[in-house]
Amino acid sequence: MTKRKRYSAEFKAKVALEAIREELTTAELAKKYDIHPTMITGWKRTAIENMASAFDGKSAAEPAISDQEVEKLHAKIGQLVVERDFLSAASSLILGTGGKKG
């Protein structure tokens, strides 16, 4: 039993874009990339159907952060500031140079 080959989204987009440009026929692209022409046709159709979503103004790359997560991160920042200040003061006492090594 053979495993199906998985193609990355980048590869699919590259092939679909070449198909949309129509510089080569679907058969030529299939031979070039060693894939079935039906796959190229499907990828091309999917790319065209989803192209409008690139211009809808919504950023898919920007994840939504909850208020609870923001509060948690602010608390962590506060904790790190306190630790930094403590270590800075402790190093100045140990080194006697205001925390700077000569």
PDB file of N, CA and C in Angstrom:
ATOM      1  N   MET A   1       0.844  -1.178   0.000  1.00  0.00           N
ATOM      2  CA  MET A   1       0.000   0.000   0.000  1.00  0.00           C
ATOM      3  C   MET A   1       0.892   1.245   0.000  1.00  0.00           C
ATOM      4  N   THR A   2       0.669   2.136  -0.940  1.00  0.00           N
ATOM      5  CA  THR A   2       1.491   3.336  -1.031  1.00  0.00           C
ATOM      6  C   THR A   2       0.860   4.474  -0.242  1.00  0.00           C
ATOM      7  N   LYS A   3       1.722   5.296   0.328  1.00  0.00           N
ATOM      8  CA  LYS A   3       1.244   6.469   1.064  1.00  0.00           C
ATOM      9  C   LYS A   3       0.993   7.607   0.096  1.00  0.00           C
ATOM     10  N   ARG A   4       0.003   8.411   0.403  1.00  0.00           N
ATOM     11  CA  ARG A   4      -0.253   9.608  -0.385  1.00  0.00           C
ATOM     12  C   ARG A   4       0.807  10.640  -0.077  1.00  0.00           C
ATOM     13  N   LYS A   5       1.234  11.318  -1.109  1.00  0.00           N
ATOM     14  CA  LYS A   5       2.221  12.366  -0.917  1.00  0.00           C
ATOM     15  C   LYS A   5       1.517  13.639  -0.480  1.00  0.00           C
ATOM     16  N   ARG A   6       2.069  14.286   0.516  1.00  0.00           N
ATOM     17  CA  ARG A   6       1.520  15.539   1.026  1.00  0.00           C
ATOM     18  C   ARG A   6       2.326  16.698   0.459  1.00  0.00           C
ATOM     19  N   TYR A   7       1.642  17.721   0.032  1.00  0.00           N
ATOM     20  CA  TYR A   7       2.298  18.897  -0.515  1.00  0.00           C
ATOM     21  C   TYR A   7       2.066  20.074   0.421  1.00  0.00           C
ATOM     22  N   SER A   8       3.096  20.902   0.570  1.00  0.00           N
ATOM     23  CA  SER A   8       2.982  22.063   1.457  1.00  0.00           C
ATOM     24  C   SER A   8       2.080  23.110   0.807  1.00  0.00           C
ATOM     25  N   ALA A   9       1.567  23.986   1.640  1.00  0.00           N
ATOM     26  CA  ALA A   9       0.720  25.075   1.148  1.00  0.00           C
ATOM     27  C   ALA A   9       1.505  25.977   0.200  1.00  0.00           C
ATOM     28  N   GLU A  10       2.786  26.180   0.495  1.00  0.00           N
ATOM     29  CA  GLU A  10       3.621  27.022  -0.359  1.00  0.00           C
ATOM     30  C   GLU A  10       3.766  26.412  -1.748  1.00  0.00           C
ATOM     31  N   PHE A  11       3.970  25.082  -1.795  1.00  0.00           N
ATOM     32  CA  PHE A  11       4.112  24.403  -3.082  1.00  0.00           C
ATOM     33  C   PHE A  11       2.807  24.490  -3.877  1.00  0.00           C
ATOM     34  N   LYS A  12       1.698  24.250  -3.204  1.00  0.00           N
ATOM     35  CA  LYS A  12       0.396  24.325  -3.877  1.00  0.00           C
ATOM     36  C   LYS A  12       0.155  25.723  -4.436  1.00  0.00           C
ATOM     37  N   ALA A  13       0.479  26.743  -3.638  1.00  0.00           N
ATOM     38  CA  ALA A  13       0.286  28.120  -4.085  1.00  0.00           C
ATOM     39  C   ALA A  13       1.164  28.434  -5.285  1.00  0.00           C
ATOM     40  N   LYS A  14       2.396  27.943  -5.261  1.00  0.00           N
ATOM     41  CA  LYS A  14       3.322  28.173  -6.369  1.00  0.00           C
ATOM     42  C   LYS A  14       2.789  27.562  -7.659  1.00  0.00           C
ATOM     43  N   VAL A  15       2.345  26.311  -7.576  1.00  0.00           N
ATOM     44  CA  VAL A  15       1.826  25.620  -8.760  1.00  0.00           C
ATOM     45  C   VAL A  15       0.528  26.275  -9.226  1.00  0.00           C
ATOM     46  N   ALA A  16      -0.354  26.614  -8.287  1.00  0.00           N
ATOM     47  CA  ALA A  16      -1.624  27.252  -8.639  1.00  0.00           C
ATOM     48  C   ALA A  16      -1.379  28.596  -9.325  1.00  0.00           C
ATOM     49  N   LEU A  17      -0.412  29.353  -8.837  1.00  0.00           N
ATOM     50  CA  LEU A  17      -0.102  30.645  -9.445  1.00  0.00           C
ATOM     51  C   LEU A  17       0.417  30.461 -10.868  1.00  0.00           C
ATOM     52  N   GLU A  18       1.258  29.460 -11.063  1.00  0.00           N
ATOM     53  CA  GLU A  18       1.735  29.179 -12.414  1.00  0.00           C
ATOM     54  C   GLU A  18       0.580  28.780 -13.331  1.00  0.00           C
ATOM     55  N   ALA A  19      -0.368  28.024 -12.783  1.00  0.00           N
ATOM     56  CA  ALA A  19      -1.528  27.620 -13.580  1.00  0.00           C
ATOM     57  C   ALA A  19      -2.402  28.820 -13.926  1.00  0.00           C
ATOM     58  N   ILE A  20      -2.548  29.744 -12.987  1.00  0.00           N
ATOM     59  CA  ILE A  20      -3.353  30.950 -13.222  1.00  0.00           C
ATOM     60  C   ILE A  20      -2.692  31.817 -14.291  1.00  0.00           C
ATOM     61  N   ARG A  21      -1.379  31.905 -14.259  1.00  0.00           N
ATOM     62  CA  ARG A  21      -0.652  32.713 -15.250  1.00  0.00           C
ATOM     63  C   ARG A  21      -0.766  32.145 -16.663  1.00  0.00           C
ATOM     64  N   GLU A  22      -0.999  30.849 -16.752  1.00  0.00           N
ATOM     65  CA  GLU A  22      -1.175  30.138 -18.027  1.00  0.00           C
ATOM     66  C   GLU A  22       0.018  30.269 -18.963  1.00  0.00           C
ATOM     67  N   GLU A  23       1.226  30.333 -18.399  1.00  0.00           N
ATOM     68  CA  GLU A  23       2.422  30.323 -19.235  1.00  0.00           C
ATOM     69  C   GLU A  23       2.692  28.924 -19.758  1.00  0.00           C
ATOM     70  N   LEU A  24       2.293  27.911 -18.986  1.00  0.00           N
ATOM     71  CA  LEU A  24       2.368  26.511 -19.391  1.00  0.00           C
ATOM     72  C   LEU A  24       0.980  25.908 -19.274  1.00  0.00           C
ATOM     73  N   THR A  25       0.710  24.874 -20.059  1.00  0.00           N
ATOM     74  CA  THR A  25      -0.578  24.191 -19.950  1.00  0.00           C
ATOM     75  C   THR A  25      -0.599  23.373 -18.666  1.00  0.00           C
ATOM     76  N   THR A  26      -1.781  22.955 -18.280  1.00  0.00           N
ATOM     77  CA  THR A  26      -1.913  22.120 -17.082  1.00  0.00           C
ATOM     78  C   THR A  26      -1.126  20.833 -17.247  1.00  0.00           C
ATOM     79  N   ALA A  27      -1.162  20.253 -18.441  1.00  0.00           N
ATOM     80  CA  ALA A  27      -0.411  19.022 -18.699  1.00  0.00           C
ATOM     81  C   ALA A  27       1.092  19.250 -18.568  1.00  0.00           C
ATOM     82  N   GLU A  28       1.568  20.383 -19.041  1.00  0.00           N
ATOM     83  CA  GLU A  28       2.988  20.696 -18.933  1.00  0.00           C
ATOM     84  C   GLU A  28       3.401  20.919 -17.475  1.00  0.00           C
ATOM     85  N   LEU A  29       2.542  21.596 -16.720  1.00  0.00           N
ATOM     86  CA  LEU A  29       2.813  21.789 -15.291  1.00  0.00           C
ATOM     87  C   LEU A  29       2.818  20.453 -14.555  1.00  0.00           C
ATOM     88  N   ALA A  30       1.876  19.583 -14.911  1.00  0.00           N
ATOM     89  CA  ALA A  30       1.800  18.272 -14.271  1.00  0.00           C
ATOM     90  C   ALA A  30       3.076  17.483 -14.522  1.00  0.00           C
ATOM     91  N   LYS A  31       3.575  17.548 -15.728  1.00  0.00           N
ATOM     92  CA  LYS A  31       4.815  16.840 -16.061  1.00  0.00           C
ATOM     93  C   LYS A  31       5.999  17.483 -15.345  1.00  0.00           C
ATOM     94  N   LYS A  32       6.025  18.817 -15.305  1.00  0.00           N
ATOM     95  CA  LYS A  32       7.121  19.553 -14.676  1.00  0.00           C
ATOM     96  C   LYS A  32       7.249  19.205 -13.195  1.00  0.00           C
ATOM     97  N   TYR A  33       6.110  19.127 -12.502  1.00  0.00           N
ATOM     98  CA  TYR A  33       6.124  18.889 -11.054  1.00  0.00           C
ATOM     99  C   TYR A  33       5.796  17.449 -10.673  1.00  0.00           C
ATOM    100  N   ASP A  34       5.575  16.595 -11.676  1.00  0.00           N
ATOM    101  CA  ASP A  34       5.273  15.182 -11.460  1.00  0.00           C
ATOM    102  C   ASP A  34       4.053  14.997 -10.543  1.00  0.00           C
ATOM    103  N   ILE A  35       2.980  15.696 -10.883  1.00  0.00           N
ATOM    104  CA  ILE A  35       1.713  15.555 -10.168  1.00  0.00           C
ATOM    105  C   ILE A  35       0.583  15.423 -11.182  1.00  0.00           C
ATOM    106  N   HIS A  36      -0.559  14.953 -10.737  1.00  0.00           N
ATOM    107  CA  HIS A  36      -1.699  14.731 -11.632  1.00  0.00           C
ATOM    108  C   HIS A  36      -2.332  16.076 -12.012  1.00  0.00           C
ATOM    109  N   PRO A  37      -2.721  16.235 -13.277  1.00  0.00           N
ATOM    110  CA  PRO A  37      -3.340  17.491 -13.725  1.00  0.00           C
ATOM    111  C   PRO A  37      -4.599  17.874 -12.946  1.00  0.00           C
ATOM    112  N   THR A  38      -5.340  16.883 -12.483  1.00  0.00           N
ATOM    113  CA  THR A  38      -6.547  17.159 -11.703  1.00  0.00           C
ATOM    114  C   THR A  38      -6.213  17.904 -10.415  1.00  0.00           C
ATOM    115  N   MET A  39      -5.075  17.567  -9.802  1.00  0.00           N
ATOM    116  CA  MET A  39      -4.663  18.253  -8.571  1.00  0.00           C
ATOM    117  C   MET A  39      -4.388  19.721  -8.866  1.00  0.00           C
ATOM    118  N   ILE A  40      -3.728  19.987  -9.982  1.00  0.00           N
ATOM    119  CA  ILE A  40      -3.413  21.366 -10.344  1.00  0.00           C
ATOM    120  C   ILE A  40      -4.697  22.156 -10.574  1.00  0.00           C
ATOM    121  N   THR A  41      -5.638  21.545 -11.264  1.00  0.00           N
ATOM    122  CA  THR A  41      -6.917  22.215 -11.519  1.00  0.00           C
ATOM    123  C   THR A  41      -7.628  22.547 -10.209  1.00  0.00           C
ATOM    124  N   GLY A  42      -7.621  21.610  -9.277  1.00  0.00           N
ATOM    125  CA  GLY A  42      -8.250  21.840  -7.970  1.00  0.00           C
ATOM    126  C   GLY A  42      -7.559  22.943  -7.191  1.00  0.00           C
ATOM    127  N   TRP A  43      -6.233  22.926  -7.189  1.00  0.00           N
ATOM    128  CA  TRP A  43      -5.480  23.957  -6.469  1.00  0.00           C
ATOM    129  C   TRP A  43      -5.727  25.326  -7.090  1.00  0.00           C
ATOM    130  N   LYS A  44      -5.802  25.371  -8.411  1.00  0.00           N
ATOM    131  CA  LYS A  44      -6.059  26.626  -9.106  1.00  0.00           C
ATOM    132  C   LYS A  44      -7.436  27.165  -8.737  1.00  0.00           C
ATOM    133  N   ARG A  45      -8.449  26.285  -8.755  1.00  0.00           N
ATOM    134  CA  ARG A  45      -9.819  26.686  -8.403  1.00  0.00           C
ATOM    135  C   ARG A  45      -9.867  27.195  -6.970  1.00  0.00           C
ATOM    136  N   THR A  46      -9.224  26.492  -6.043  1.00  0.00           N
ATOM    137  CA  THR A  46      -9.200  26.899  -4.637  1.00  0.00           C
ATOM    138  C   THR A  46      -8.530  28.255  -4.469  1.00  0.00           C
ATOM    139  N   ALA A  47      -7.422  28.458  -5.179  1.00  0.00           N
ATOM    140  CA  ALA A  47      -6.710  29.736  -5.080  1.00  0.00           C
ATOM    141  C   ALA A  47      -7.577  30.883  -5.563  1.00  0.00           C
ATOM    142  N   ILE A  48      -8.254  30.694  -6.668  1.00  0.00           N
ATOM    143  CA  ILE A  48      -9.107  31.749  -7.211  1.00  0.00           C
ATOM    144  C   ILE A  48     -10.288  32.034  -6.286  1.00  0.00           C
ATOM    145  N   GLU A  49     -10.907  30.979  -5.743  1.00  0.00           N
ATOM    146  CA  GLU A  49     -12.059  31.155  -4.849  1.00  0.00           C
ATOM    147  C   GLU A  49     -11.679  31.876  -3.566  1.00  0.00           C
ATOM    148  N   ASN A  50     -10.473  31.634  -3.063  1.00  0.00           N
ATOM    149  CA  ASN A  50     -10.057  32.218  -1.785  1.00  0.00           C
ATOM    150  C   ASN A  50      -9.250  33.499  -1.938  1.00  0.00           C
ATOM    151  N   MET A  51      -9.052  33.947  -3.156  1.00  0.00           N
ATOM    152  CA  MET A  51      -8.246  35.132  -3.393  1.00  0.00           C
ATOM    153  C   MET A  51      -8.870  36.384  -2.772  1.00  0.00           C
ATOM    154  N   ALA A  52     -10.168  36.507  -2.795  1.00  0.00           N
ATOM    155  CA  ALA A  52     -10.839  37.701  -2.267  1.00  0.00           C
ATOM    156  C   ALA A  52     -10.590  37.876  -0.770  1.00  0.00           C
ATOM    157  N   SER A  53     -10.394  36.780  -0.034  1.00  0.00           N
ATOM    158  CA  SER A  53     -10.184  36.881   1.404  1.00  0.00           C
ATOM    159  C   SER A  53      -8.871  37.585   1.737  1.00  0.00           C
ATOM    160  N   ALA A  54      -7.947  37.650   0.795  1.00  0.00           N
ATOM    161  CA  ALA A  54      -6.691  38.360   1.029  1.00  0.00           C
ATOM    162  C   ALA A  54      -6.906  39.867   1.101  1.00  0.00           C
ATOM    163  N   PHE A  55      -8.038  40.343   0.584  1.00  0.00           N
ATOM    164  CA  PHE A  55      -8.307  41.772   0.528  1.00  0.00           C
ATOM    165  C   PHE A  55      -9.466  42.213   1.420  1.00  0.00           C
ATOM    166  N   ASP A  56      -9.942  41.350   2.294  1.00  0.00           N
ATOM    167  CA  ASP A  56     -11.104  41.703   3.104  1.00  0.00           C
ATOM    168  C   ASP A  56     -10.772  42.563   4.321  1.00  0.00           C
ATOM    169  N   GLY A  57      -9.497  42.850   4.537  1.00  0.00           N
ATOM    170  CA  GLY A  57      -9.103  43.737   5.622  1.00  0.00           C
ATOM    171  C   GLY A  57      -8.894  43.050   6.950  1.00  0.00           C
ATOM    172  N   LYS A  58      -9.208  41.788   7.038  1.00  0.00           N
ATOM    173  CA  LYS A  58      -9.013  41.047   8.279  1.00  0.00           C
ATOM    174  C   LYS A  58      -7.680  40.330   8.198  1.00  0.00           C
ATOM    175  N   SER A  59      -6.864  40.506   9.225  1.00  0.00           N
ATOM    176  CA  SER A  59      -5.556  39.867   9.247  1.00  0.00           C
ATOM    177  C   SER A  59      -5.667  38.510   9.906  1.00  0.00           C
ATOM    178  N   ALA A  60      -5.425  37.470   9.158  1.00  0.00           N
ATOM    179  CA  ALA A  60      -5.502  36.110   9.700  1.00  0.00           C
ATOM    180  C   ALA A  60      -4.280  35.808  10.558  1.00  0.00           C
ATOM    181  N   ALA A  61      -3.196  36.527  10.335  1.00  0.00           N
ATOM    182  CA  ALA A  61      -1.967  36.262  11.068  1.00  0.00           C
ATOM    183  C   ALA A  61      -2.003  36.846  12.480  1.00  0.00           C
ATOM    184  N   GLU A  62      -2.907  37.766  12.756  1.00  0.00           N
ATOM    185  CA  GLU A  62      -2.976  38.422  14.050  1.00  0.00           C
ATOM    186  C   GLU A  62      -3.965  37.687  14.954  1.00  0.00           C
ATOM    187  N   PRO A  63      -3.458  36.915  15.924  1.00  0.00           N
ATOM    188  CA  PRO A  63      -4.359  36.170  16.794  1.00  0.00           C
ATOM    189  C   PRO A  63      -5.037  37.076  17.824  1.00  0.00           C
ATOM    190  N   ALA A  64      -6.225  36.718  18.203  1.00  0.00           N
ATOM    191  CA  ALA A  64      -6.956  37.469  19.221  1.00  0.00           C
ATOM    192  C   ALA A  64      -6.414  37.092  20.602  1.00  0.00           C
ATOM    193  N   ILE A  65      -6.180  38.094  21.454  1.00  0.00           N
ATOM    194  CA  ILE A  65      -5.665  37.854  22.800  1.00  0.00           C
ATOM    195  C   ILE A  65      -6.739  38.284  23.784  1.00  0.00           C
ATOM    196  N   SER A  66      -7.048  37.407  24.708  1.00  0.00           N
ATOM    197  CA  SER A  66      -8.097  37.699  25.680  1.00  0.00           C
ATOM    198  C   SER A  66      -7.586  38.678  26.733  1.00  0.00           C
ATOM    199  N   ASP A  67      -8.532  39.340  27.398  1.00  0.00           N
ATOM    200  CA  ASP A  67      -8.182  40.273  28.471  1.00  0.00           C
ATOM    201  C   ASP A  67      -7.469  39.549  29.605  1.00  0.00           C
ATOM    202  N   GLN A  68      -7.881  38.317  29.857  1.00  0.00           N
ATOM    203  CA  GLN A  68      -7.259  37.517  30.920  1.00  0.00           C
ATOM    204  C   GLN A  68      -5.783  37.263  30.585  1.00  0.00           C
ATOM    205  N   GLU A  69      -5.500  36.980  29.325  1.00  0.00           N
ATOM    206  CA  GLU A  69      -4.112  36.735  28.907  1.00  0.00           C
ATOM    207  C   GLU A  69      -3.286  38.009  29.029  1.00  0.00           C
ATOM    208  N   VAL A  70      -3.867  39.157  28.689  1.00  0.00           N
ATOM    209  CA  VAL A  70      -3.165  40.438  28.809  1.00  0.00           C
ATOM    210  C   VAL A  70      -2.832  40.713  30.272  1.00  0.00           C
ATOM    211  N   GLU A  71      -3.790  40.476  31.180  1.00  0.00           N
ATOM    212  CA  GLU A  71      -3.548  40.683  32.614  1.00  0.00           C
ATOM    213  C   GLU A  71      -2.437  39.770  33.116  1.00  0.00           C
ATOM    214  N   LYS A  72      -2.441  38.541  32.642  1.00  0.00           N
ATOM    215  CA  LYS A  72      -1.420  37.574  33.048  1.00  0.00           C
ATOM    216  C   LYS A  72      -0.041  38.044  32.580  1.00  0.00           C
ATOM    217  N   LEU A  73       0.049  38.555  31.361  1.00  0.00           N
ATOM    218  CA  LEU A  73       1.324  39.037  30.837  1.00  0.00           C
ATOM    219  C   LEU A  73       1.790  40.296  31.570  1.00  0.00           C
ATOM    220  N   HIS A  74       0.857  41.189  31.929  1.00  0.00           N
ATOM    221  CA  HIS A  74       1.216  42.388  32.694  1.00  0.00           C
ATOM    222  C   HIS A  74       1.757  42.003  34.069  1.00  0.00           C
ATOM    223  N   ALA A  75       1.155  41.006  34.684  1.00  0.00           N
ATOM    224  CA  ALA A  75       1.632  40.547  35.990  1.00  0.00           C
ATOM    225  C   ALA A  75       3.043  39.973  35.872  1.00  0.00           C
ATOM    226  N   LYS A  76       3.290  39.235  34.819  1.00  0.00           N
ATOM    227  CA  LYS A  76       4.616  38.652  34.604  1.00  0.00           C
ATOM    228  C   LYS A  76       5.650  39.755  34.376  1.00  0.00           C
ATOM    229  N   ILE A  77       5.294  40.778  33.614  1.00  0.00           N
ATOM    230  CA  ILE A  77       6.205  41.908  33.380  1.00  0.00           C
ATOM    231  C   ILE A  77       6.542  42.584  34.705  1.00  0.00           C
ATOM    232  N   GLY A  78       5.520  42.803  35.545  1.00  0.00           N
ATOM    233  CA  GLY A  78       5.756  43.417  36.852  1.00  0.00           C
ATOM    234  C   GLY A  78       6.698  42.590  37.703  1.00  0.00           C
ATOM    235  N   GLN A  79       6.502  41.273  37.701  1.00  0.00           N
ATOM    236  CA  GLN A  79       7.361  40.372  38.469  1.00  0.00           C
ATOM    237  C   GLN A  79       8.805  40.457  37.965  1.00  0.00           C
ATOM    238  N   LEU A  80       8.989  40.475  36.664  1.00  0.00           N
ATOM    239  CA  LEU A  80      10.332  40.545  36.098  1.00  0.00           C
ATOM    240  C   LEU A  80      11.014  41.879  36.399  1.00  0.00           C
ATOM    241  N   VAL A  81      10.254  42.974  36.430  1.00  0.00           N
ATOM    242  CA  VAL A  81      10.813  44.283  36.766  1.00  0.00           C
ATOM    243  C   VAL A  81      11.293  44.284  38.214  1.00  0.00           C
ATOM    244  N   VAL A  82      10.498  43.724  39.112  1.00  0.00           N
ATOM    245  CA  VAL A  82      10.886  43.654  40.525  1.00  0.00           C
ATOM    246  C   VAL A  82      12.151  42.807  40.683  1.00  0.00           C
ATOM    247  N   GLU A  83      12.204  41.668  39.987  1.00  0.00           N
ATOM    248  CA  GLU A  83      13.387  40.804  40.074  1.00  0.00           C
ATOM    249  C   GLU A  83      14.622  41.504  39.518  1.00  0.00           C
ATOM    250  N   ARG A  84      14.462  42.214  38.407  1.00  0.00           N
ATOM    251  CA  ARG A  84      15.590  42.935  37.816  1.00  0.00           C
ATOM    252  C   ARG A  84      16.120  43.999  38.768  1.00  0.00           C
ATOM    253  N   ASP A  85      15.208  44.762  39.354  1.00  0.00           N
ATOM    254  CA  ASP A  85      15.620  45.814  40.269  1.00  0.00           C
ATOM    255  C   ASP A  85      16.310  45.233  41.506  1.00  0.00           C
ATOM    256  N   PHE A  86      15.794  44.116  42.003  1.00  0.00           N
ATOM    257  CA  PHE A  86      16.399  43.465  43.168  1.00  0.00           C
ATOM    258  C   PHE A  86      17.803  42.996  42.840  1.00  0.00           C
ATOM    259  N   LEU A  87      17.971  42.353  41.693  1.00  0.00           N
ATOM    260  CA  LEU A  87      19.286  41.840  41.314  1.00  0.00           C
ATOM    261  C   LEU A  87      20.265  42.980  41.031  1.00  0.00           C
ATOM    262  N   SER A  88      19.773  44.065  40.497  1.00  0.00           N
ATOM    263  CA  SER A  88      20.635  45.222  40.249  1.00  0.00           C
ATOM    264  C   SER A  88      21.142  45.801  41.565  1.00  0.00           C
ATOM    265  N   ALA A  89      20.242  45.943  42.536  1.00  0.00           N
ATOM    266  CA  ALA A  89      20.634  46.467  43.849  1.00  0.00           C
ATOM    267  C   ALA A  89      21.593  45.500  44.551  1.00  0.00           C
ATOM    268  N   ALA A  90      21.320  44.201  44.462  1.00  0.00           N
ATOM    269  CA  ALA A  90      22.176  43.209  45.101  1.00  0.00           C
ATOM    270  C   ALA A  90      23.567  43.200  44.466  1.00  0.00           C
ATOM    271  N   SER A  91      23.639  43.343  43.172  1.00  0.00           N
ATOM    272  CA  SER A  91      24.957  43.331  42.506  1.00  0.00           C
ATOM    273  C   SER A  91      25.752  44.569  42.865  1.00  0.00           C
ATOM    274  N   SER A  92      25.067  45.706  43.058  1.00  0.00           N
ATOM    275  CA  SER A  92      25.798  46.918  43.445  1.00  0.00           C
ATOM    276  C   SER A  92      26.366  46.774  44.855  1.00  0.00           C
ATOM    277  N   LEU A  93      25.646  46.051  45.740  1.00  0.00           N
ATOM    278  CA  LEU A  93      26.162  45.825  47.084  1.00  0.00           C
ATOM    279  C   LEU A  93      27.359  44.880  47.058  1.00  0.00           C
ATOM    280  N   ILE A  94      27.272  43.859  46.220  1.00  0.00           N
ATOM    281  CA  ILE A  94      28.343  42.858  46.151  1.00  0.00           C
ATOM    282  C   ILE A  94      29.579  43.445  45.459  1.00  0.00           C
ATOM    283  N   LEU A  95      29.362  44.108  44.344  1.00  0.00           N
ATOM    284  CA  LEU A  95      30.489  44.625  43.551  1.00  0.00           C
ATOM    285  C   LEU A  95      30.944  46.001  44.028  1.00  0.00           C
ATOM    286  N   GLY A  96      30.052  46.744  44.643  1.00  0.00           N
ATOM    287  CA  GLY A  96      30.399  48.068  45.139  1.00  0.00           C
ATOM    288  C   GLY A  96      30.612  49.084  44.023  1.00  0.00           C
ATOM    289  N   THR A  97      30.133  48.794  42.816  1.00  0.00           N
ATOM    290  CA  THR A  97      30.333  49.718  41.710  1.00  0.00           C
ATOM    291  C   THR A  97      29.023  50.114  41.043  1.00  0.00           C
ATOM    292  N   GLY A  98      27.973  50.022  41.770  1.00  0.00           N
ATOM    293  CA  GLY A  98      26.687  50.377  41.178  1.00  0.00           C
ATOM    294  C   GLY A  98      26.199  49.352  40.162  1.00  0.00           C
ATOM    295  N   GLY A  99      26.644  48.111  40.325  1.00  0.00           N
ATOM    296  CA  GLY A  99      26.199  47.050  39.453  1.00  0.00           C
ATOM    297  C   GLY A  99      27.016  46.890  38.183  1.00  0.00           C
ATOM    298  N   LYS A 100      28.094  47.716  38.047  1.00  0.00           N
ATOM    299  CA  LYS A 100      28.895  47.631  36.841  1.00  0.00           C
ATOM    300  C   LYS A 100      30.245  46.992  37.166  1.00  0.00           C
ATOM    301  N   LYS A 101      30.660  46.098  36.320  1.00  0.00           N
ATOM    302  CA  LYS A 101      31.983  45.494  36.481  1.00  0.00           C
ATOM    303  C   LYS A 101      33.012  46.439  35.881  1.00  0.00           C
ATOM    304  N   GLY A 102      34.091  46.674  36.617  1.00  0.00           N
ATOM    305  CA  GLY A 102      35.123  47.612  36.246  1.00  0.00           C
ATOM    306  C   GLY A 102      35.672  47.448  34.937  1.00  0.00           C
TER     307      GLY A 102
END
